Every structure is written in structure tokens, then in C-alpha cells.
Protein backbone atom coordinates (compact mmCIF):
# COMPACT_ATOMS: atom_id res chain seq x y z
CA MET A 1 177.94 211.29 106.06
CA LYS A 2 177.34 209.49 103.02
CA LEU A 3 179.81 207.13 103.45
CA LYS A 4 178.44 206.18 107.24
CA SER A 5 175.05 205.69 106.36
CA LEU A 6 175.41 203.40 103.57
CA VAL A 7 178.31 201.62 106.06
CA PHE A 8 175.88 201.44 108.82
CA ALA A 9 173.63 199.70 106.14
CA LEU A 10 175.06 197.31 104.45
CA SER A 11 176.79 196.11 108.18
CA ALA A 12 172.98 195.99 109.34
CA ALA A 13 172.43 193.62 106.54
CA ALA A 14 175.18 192.19 107.01
CA ILE A 15 173.47 191.22 110.28
CA ILE A 16 170.51 191.11 109.20
CA ALA A 17 171.18 188.38 106.70
CA GLY A 18 174.15 186.60 108.87
CA ASN A 19 170.43 185.98 111.61
CA ALA A 20 168.21 184.57 108.65
CA CYS A 21 171.74 182.57 108.10
CA ALA A 22 171.92 181.58 111.71
CA GLN A 23 167.57 180.82 111.49
CA ALA A 24 167.90 178.15 108.66
CA PRO A 25 166.68 175.12 109.80
CA ILE A 26 169.60 171.97 109.32
CA LEU A 27 167.59 170.18 106.74
CA ILE A 28 168.07 166.39 106.71
CA LYS A 29 167.47 164.66 103.31
CA PHE A 30 166.03 160.67 104.00
CA SER A 31 166.05 158.83 101.21
CA HIS A 32 164.40 154.98 100.91
CA VAL A 33 162.82 153.26 98.60
CA VAL A 34 159.67 151.50 100.03
CA ALA A 35 156.03 153.12 100.25
CA ASN A 36 155.22 155.83 102.32
CA ASP A 37 152.49 153.03 103.49
CA THR A 38 154.65 150.28 104.75
CA PRO A 39 156.28 149.98 108.29
CA LYS A 40 159.51 151.76 107.13
CA GLY A 41 157.76 154.11 105.07
CA LYS A 42 155.36 155.36 108.63
CA ALA A 43 158.16 155.28 110.59
CA ALA A 44 160.17 157.71 108.34
CA GLU A 45 157.37 159.64 108.92
CA ARG A 46 157.24 160.16 111.68
CA PHE A 47 161.26 160.57 112.45
CA LYS A 48 160.10 163.95 110.70
CA GLU A 49 157.48 164.95 113.12
CA LEU A 50 159.43 163.71 116.61
CA ALA A 51 162.30 164.67 115.10
CA GLU A 52 160.69 168.31 114.40
CA LYS A 53 158.93 168.79 117.30
CA ALA A 54 161.51 168.38 119.82
CA THR A 55 164.42 171.06 118.01
CA LYS A 56 161.34 172.51 117.84
CA GLY A 57 161.56 173.05 113.89
CA ARG A 58 165.70 173.59 114.02
CA VAL A 59 165.98 170.22 112.34
CA LYS A 60 163.73 169.87 108.69
CA VAL A 61 163.49 166.30 107.64
CA GLU A 62 163.41 165.55 103.95
CA VAL A 63 161.59 162.06 103.32
CA TYR A 64 161.49 160.83 100.09
CA PRO A 65 160.51 157.27 99.78
CA ASN A 66 160.02 155.21 96.03
CA SER A 67 163.24 155.77 95.02
CA THR A 68 162.05 158.82 94.96
CA LEU A 69 165.82 160.19 94.72
CA TYR A 70 168.24 157.10 94.67
CA LYS A 71 167.58 152.98 94.12
CA ASP A 72 169.25 150.67 96.33
CA LYS A 73 173.25 150.33 94.81
CA GLU A 74 173.23 154.03 94.69
CA GLU A 75 171.37 154.70 98.01
CA LEU A 76 174.72 154.40 99.68
CA GLU A 77 177.12 155.59 98.00
CA ALA A 78 174.99 158.95 97.53
CA LEU A 79 174.94 158.92 101.46
CA GLN A 80 179.15 158.73 101.86
CA LEU A 81 179.25 161.38 100.08
CA GLY A 82 176.77 163.75 101.70
CA ALA A 83 174.56 163.95 99.38
CA VAL A 84 171.83 162.77 101.69
CA GLN A 85 171.75 162.81 105.58
CA MET A 86 170.19 159.76 106.44
CA LEU A 87 169.10 156.07 104.90
CA ALA A 88 166.88 152.58 105.97
CA PRO A 89 168.70 150.55 103.98
CA SER A 90 168.16 146.32 104.45
CA LEU A 91 170.41 145.07 106.81
CA ALA A 92 171.57 142.80 103.12
CA LYS A 93 173.44 146.31 101.66
CA PHE A 94 175.99 146.38 103.32
CA GLY A 95 178.13 143.08 102.32
CA PRO A 96 178.67 144.68 99.38
CA LEU A 97 179.53 147.99 101.16
CA GLY A 98 182.57 145.05 102.42
CA VAL A 99 180.41 144.89 106.11
CA LYS A 100 180.01 141.15 105.29
CA GLU A 101 178.91 140.33 109.19
CA PHE A 102 175.16 142.18 108.91
CA GLU A 103 174.82 139.41 106.04
CA VAL A 104 174.15 137.49 109.53
CA PHE A 105 170.32 139.25 109.33
CA ASP A 106 170.11 136.75 105.85
CA LEU A 107 170.88 133.26 107.27
CA PRO A 108 167.53 131.98 106.81
CA TYR A 109 165.76 130.21 109.94
CA ILE A 110 168.25 131.74 112.40
CA PHE A 111 165.73 133.53 113.61
CA PRO A 112 163.17 131.60 115.38
CA SER A 113 160.86 133.93 116.67
CA LYS A 114 161.77 138.73 116.95
CA GLU A 115 162.51 137.84 121.29
CA VAL A 116 165.42 136.72 119.54
CA LEU A 117 165.67 138.90 117.20
CA TYR A 118 165.72 142.10 119.62
CA ARG A 119 168.65 140.48 122.28
CA VAL A 120 170.25 140.42 118.79
CA THR A 121 169.63 144.45 117.79
CA GLU A 122 169.55 145.93 121.24
CA GLY A 123 171.78 144.03 123.06
CA PRO A 124 176.25 143.48 122.22
CA ILE A 125 175.91 142.83 118.58
CA GLY A 126 173.87 144.55 117.88
CA LYS A 127 176.49 148.09 118.77
CA ASP A 128 178.85 145.87 117.70
CA LEU A 129 177.77 145.72 114.49
CA PHE A 130 177.05 149.44 114.00
CA LYS A 131 181.16 150.35 115.00
CA LYS A 132 182.11 148.19 112.02
CA LEU A 133 180.09 151.21 109.09
CA GLU A 134 182.38 153.54 111.04
CA PRO A 135 184.82 153.85 109.36
CA LYS A 136 183.07 153.54 106.18
CA GLY A 137 182.19 157.01 106.96
CA ILE A 138 178.38 156.09 108.48
CA THR A 139 177.21 156.31 111.94
CA GLY A 140 174.39 154.14 112.36
CA LEU A 141 171.61 154.60 114.85
CA ALA A 142 168.62 151.84 114.99
CA TYR A 143 166.87 149.04 113.64
CA TRP A 144 164.15 148.44 111.98
CA ASP A 145 162.16 145.49 112.47
CA ASN A 146 159.80 144.33 109.18
CA GLY A 147 159.08 141.23 109.55
CA PHE A 148 159.49 137.20 108.57
CA LYS A 149 159.39 137.01 104.97
CA VAL A 150 156.75 135.01 102.72
CA MET A 151 158.55 133.41 98.86
CA SER A 152 156.09 133.76 95.99
CA ALA A 153 155.73 133.06 92.20
CA ASN A 154 153.52 131.68 89.87
CA LYS A 155 153.45 128.59 90.98
CA PRO A 156 152.95 126.80 94.45
CA LEU A 157 155.64 126.38 96.52
CA HIS A 158 155.91 123.63 99.02
CA VAL A 159 158.08 121.10 99.76
CA PRO A 160 162.27 123.07 97.87
CA ALA A 161 161.66 121.46 94.94
CA ASP A 162 159.14 123.17 94.37
CA PHE A 163 161.45 125.64 93.27
CA ARG A 164 164.49 124.17 90.67
CA GLY A 165 165.22 125.58 87.63
CA LEU A 166 162.90 129.06 89.07
CA LYS A 167 164.15 132.65 88.45
CA MET A 168 164.00 133.79 91.74
CA ARG A 169 164.59 137.80 92.62
CA ILE A 170 167.68 138.68 95.35
CA GLN A 171 168.92 141.58 97.33
CA SER A 172 172.64 141.53 96.25
CA SER A 173 173.95 139.17 98.69
CA LYS A 174 175.48 136.82 98.60
CA VAL A 175 173.61 134.31 101.72
CA LEU A 176 170.45 135.01 99.52
CA ASP A 177 171.97 134.19 96.85
CA ALA A 178 173.02 130.79 98.11
CA GLN A 179 169.60 130.17 99.71
CA MET A 180 168.17 129.63 96.45
CA ARG A 181 170.96 127.78 95.14
CA ALA A 182 169.93 125.48 98.29
CA LEU A 183 166.64 125.03 97.51
CA GLY A 184 167.54 124.85 93.61
CA ALA A 185 166.72 128.52 92.32
CA ASN A 186 168.33 131.04 90.53
CA PRO A 187 168.97 133.52 91.74
CA GLN A 188 168.53 137.19 90.61
CA VAL A 189 169.45 140.49 91.54
CA LEU A 190 168.16 142.95 90.99
CA ALA A 191 166.74 147.24 92.37
CA PHE A 192 163.95 146.77 94.38
CA SER A 193 162.09 149.26 92.08
CA GLU A 194 162.50 146.74 89.79
CA VAL A 195 160.82 143.73 91.14
CA TYR A 196 157.15 144.54 90.15
CA GLN A 197 158.35 144.83 85.47
CA ALA A 198 160.42 142.37 86.15
CA LEU A 199 158.30 139.82 87.86
CA GLN A 200 155.39 141.27 85.33
CA THR A 201 157.22 139.62 81.84
CA GLY A 202 159.07 137.26 83.12
CA VAL A 203 162.39 138.08 83.59
CA VAL A 204 162.11 136.72 87.02
CA ASP A 205 159.40 133.16 87.83
CA GLY A 206 159.56 134.81 92.03
CA THR A 207 160.87 136.83 95.23
CA GLU A 208 161.16 137.18 98.27
CA ASN A 209 159.50 139.68 100.72
CA PRO A 210 157.72 140.54 103.88
CA PRO A 211 154.36 140.49 102.97
CA SER A 212 153.78 144.88 103.52
CA ASN A 213 156.26 144.56 100.80
CA LEU A 214 154.62 141.90 98.77
CA TYR A 215 151.12 144.49 98.68
CA THR A 216 152.89 147.52 98.57
CA GLN A 217 154.67 147.30 95.22
CA LYS A 218 151.74 144.96 94.00
CA MET A 219 153.58 142.23 93.47
CA HIS A 220 150.39 140.15 94.21
CA GLU A 221 148.37 141.65 91.02
CA VAL A 222 151.80 139.80 89.04
CA GLN A 223 151.89 136.49 91.24
CA LYS A 224 150.05 134.13 91.96
CA HIS A 225 150.66 132.34 94.52
CA VAL A 226 152.87 133.76 98.06
CA THR A 227 154.04 130.55 100.89
CA ILE A 228 154.27 131.72 104.60
CA SER A 229 157.60 130.06 104.84
CA ASN A 230 158.81 132.77 107.21
CA HIS A 231 162.09 130.79 106.01
CA GLY A 232 164.11 134.51 106.79
CA TYR A 233 163.88 137.95 108.36
CA LEU A 234 163.93 142.16 106.59
CA GLY A 235 165.10 144.83 109.01
CA TYR A 236 166.64 147.97 108.11
CA ALA A 237 168.79 149.46 109.67
CA VAL A 238 168.44 153.67 110.06
CA ILE A 239 171.94 155.31 109.65
CA VAL A 240 173.35 158.88 108.90
CA ASN A 241 176.53 160.20 107.02
CA LYS A 242 178.79 160.55 110.17
CA LYS A 243 180.30 163.73 109.62
CA PHE A 244 177.43 165.65 109.60
CA TRP A 245 175.58 163.93 112.46
CA ASP A 246 179.15 164.19 114.23
CA GLY A 247 178.95 167.82 113.56
CA LEU A 248 176.47 168.91 115.11
CA PRO A 249 175.52 171.17 117.65
CA PRO A 250 175.31 168.84 120.96
CA ASP A 251 172.18 169.01 121.66
CA ILE A 252 170.27 169.23 118.61
CA ARG A 253 171.72 165.79 118.42
CA THR A 254 170.36 164.20 121.48
CA ALA A 255 167.09 165.82 120.58
CA LEU A 256 167.76 163.97 117.28
CA GLU A 257 168.27 160.65 119.28
CA GLY A 258 165.33 161.08 121.52
CA ALA A 259 163.05 161.18 118.14
CA MET A 260 164.47 158.15 116.61
CA LYS A 261 164.57 156.04 120.01
CA ASP A 262 160.64 156.96 119.96
CA ALA A 263 160.60 156.29 115.90
CA THR A 264 162.18 153.48 116.79
CA LYS A 265 159.80 152.25 119.81
CA TYR A 266 156.73 153.10 116.94
CA ALA A 267 158.44 150.82 113.62
CA ASN A 268 158.23 147.51 115.52
CA ALA A 269 155.46 147.80 117.19
CA ILE A 270 153.69 148.47 113.87
CA ALA A 271 155.60 145.94 111.33
CA GLN A 272 153.79 142.65 111.89
CA GLN A 273 150.46 144.34 112.29
CA GLU A 274 151.82 145.96 109.29
CA ASN A 275 152.41 142.35 107.58
CA ASP A 276 149.44 141.13 108.38
CA ALA A 277 146.81 143.79 107.26
CA ALA A 278 148.70 143.05 104.06
CA LEU A 279 148.23 139.17 103.76
CA ALA A 280 144.93 140.46 104.57
CA ALA A 281 144.92 142.29 102.06
CA VAL A 282 146.34 140.48 99.19
CA GLN A 283 143.92 137.69 100.54
CA LYS A 284 140.95 140.15 99.22
CA THR A 285 141.79 140.64 96.57
CA GLY A 286 140.95 136.71 95.51
CA LYS A 287 144.79 137.31 92.61
CA THR A 288 146.82 135.12 94.93
CA THR A 289 146.41 132.21 96.41
CA ILE A 290 148.02 132.08 100.47
CA TYR A 291 148.69 128.92 101.54
CA THR A 292 151.71 128.35 104.77
CA LEU A 293 153.87 125.42 104.84
CA ASN A 294 152.71 122.72 107.50
CA ASP A 295 155.13 121.32 110.32
CA LYS A 296 156.31 118.31 107.34
CA GLU A 297 157.36 120.25 104.46
CA LYS A 298 159.15 123.78 107.04
CA ALA A 299 161.43 120.49 108.62
CA GLU A 300 162.00 120.47 105.19
CA TRP A 301 162.89 123.67 103.87
CA ARG A 302 164.99 124.26 107.19
CA LYS A 303 167.20 120.42 106.46
CA ALA A 304 167.53 122.28 102.48
CA LEU A 305 168.49 125.68 104.18
CA ALA A 306 170.61 124.17 106.28
CA PRO A 307 174.19 123.78 104.87
CA VAL A 308 174.19 127.34 103.80
CA GLN A 309 174.87 128.39 107.79
CA THR A 310 178.34 126.16 106.80
CA GLN A 311 178.39 127.69 103.66
CA MET A 312 179.26 131.50 104.77
CA ALA A 313 180.66 130.64 108.57
CA ASP A 314 183.92 132.36 106.79
CA ARG A 315 182.47 135.17 105.19
CA ILE A 316 180.10 136.14 107.67
CA GLY A 317 182.27 134.99 110.32
CA LYS A 318 181.66 131.64 112.62
CA ASP A 319 181.81 133.25 116.11
CA LEU A 320 179.19 135.99 115.50
CA ILE A 321 177.12 133.30 113.52
CA ALA A 322 177.47 131.20 117.45
CA ALA A 323 176.85 133.94 119.03
CA VAL A 324 173.60 134.83 117.72
CA ASN A 325 172.70 130.90 117.57
CA LYS A 326 173.96 131.00 121.57
CA GLU A 327 170.45 133.86 121.80
CA ALA A 328 168.49 131.50 120.55
CA ALA A 329 169.76 129.30 122.61
CA ALA A 330 169.68 131.32 125.95
CA LEU A 331 165.55 131.11 124.88
CA GLY A 332 165.18 127.88 124.50
CA GLN A 333 164.25 128.19 120.86
CA LYS A 334 167.00 126.68 118.74
């Protein structure tokens, strides 16, 4: 009888343990490199909220902002290895991974408006680009907007000649390297988390960012001048480890896709207002002069940067560049 009781007790304990394991939520670690109060940071938190609600607690999302888990160069490898399940890297990050086509987003002045941008990201071009990530063990879920970039430095940047000899921080992108060289600057690749200190100590003289990133990283405290040039675009791709994603129960995956769709609408809706608010906040500090290019100056920038498309055509793909330009032409914006 004692043996039967022991077997029964062990069986009951195993059932209870099994039920506990079955009920343990699926964990998604979502790592990114910017602050919580940026468009990407807020969108990540919104996705967490929506995902946990849509799955009724069967999924738990842990968001790690501000490079608390991984820096720029580390995060994609961590995703591929399964150390994290979800990232939202800037589109420039996929070039070093070997998917050079994503560098089309880095080309200066290729997107004359958000309308053209969304035709690309939400249409066949955006879907085809995501397919190119699958052989790398990555599934693309959504494109999140973070707006057009401004230039900053400790001297006014009104015309291309003003860049001559400046050390300008860039992400690791051949296109951005060519862009800065076309302006006469010396490009310096640095992780995003290292930029403030590099600006503060003079390791680099200036950089480019959407205003929300500039402000939330306090770069305006160590940059006397900001030029609203809108010369380039910065967006993100929300991506997951493909093996993890494919292994999810179908109902969970469907719920998460719905949560991501709603989070993406939110992300893209707040991007412009966040950038506008950031510029206003920078101006209010009185530490940084904000200058908007006039039409003549913008024409000079466009002329100086126009050769970058030709230089990068073999790397990115002539047909892809032409397809993006076609979307702009269709709206009469080229």
C-alpha cells in the first residue's frame, strides 16, 4: 500500500508540474538600442501591452531598451542565436548582415515624402525585402517609422562645403559612408550607445538623427547646431527569430500578428509628432541653434548627394532603386 501511495503521489506531482510547465507563458525578449520615450521605445511597450492582452497572458514580452542587453553590432547575432526573440533594428543594420538591398532606405533624398515611403514599405517592395531575411533565420513582421533625419555639429551646416573635414558619426552602412564623403566629411562608424560620449569628447564632430533620437540621447547638449535637412530616412524593421516564430502555436502567432499590426499603426502615427515635439524641446533649451535649409541650399545638398545613387547601384540593385523612384514618380514627387 505504501508503494502504491508513493507511486500515486509521484504521479500527482508530475501532473501538477506538467500543468505548471504547460501554463508557463511563452517569453519574448524584445531588445532595442534607443530610449523608452522615443517612437520605437513607445511602440515596443505598446506591442508588449497588446500582445499580452491578445494572448490572454500566454505570452510575456520583456522589453530591454537603450542597449541594456545588446549593442548595435551584437543584437542581430543574438537574435540569430536565439538569445533574444525580437528586435527592431534600423534598416541600415541589414547591409552588414549581407542583405544589402535594405540600404536603399539609406539613399539620400530617395523618399520625397512619407506617402512614397509607405507605398514602398507596405507594398510589394517591402514584402520582397523581408523575404530576403529568411535565409538568415529571420522573419520580418513590420516596418516602423522614425522619420527624416537632421544633421548636427558644433558649427553651422548650411551648404555642403560646411562639412569639409568634419568627422561625422554614421551607422555601419556603405551608403551612409558614401553620403558623408559626398559632402566632404569623414564618416566614423560608432554604436548608437557610444555617440553621446564621442560627441562630448570630440572623437566625432557631428552626426545625423531623427530629432527624437537626438533629443532623448541628449546629443543637443553637446551639439551647438542642428540643420533640418530631411536628407535621409531612418526606419526600423521589427524582426523575430524565424525558428522561434515558426514554432509558435498557430493561434498564438495569429494573435501576435494582430498585436503587431496595431502597434505598427501606433508607431507610425506618433513618429512625426514625437519628432516635432523633440525639436521644440531642443529649441526651448537654448543650447542649440536650429536652422532650416532654404530652397537654394537644399538644391545644393541634392546636387552634392545625387551621385550616391549611381555609386551604390551595383551594391543595392539598379532595379530596386528604379522601383523606389517609380513609386515617387507615380505620385509626381520626383
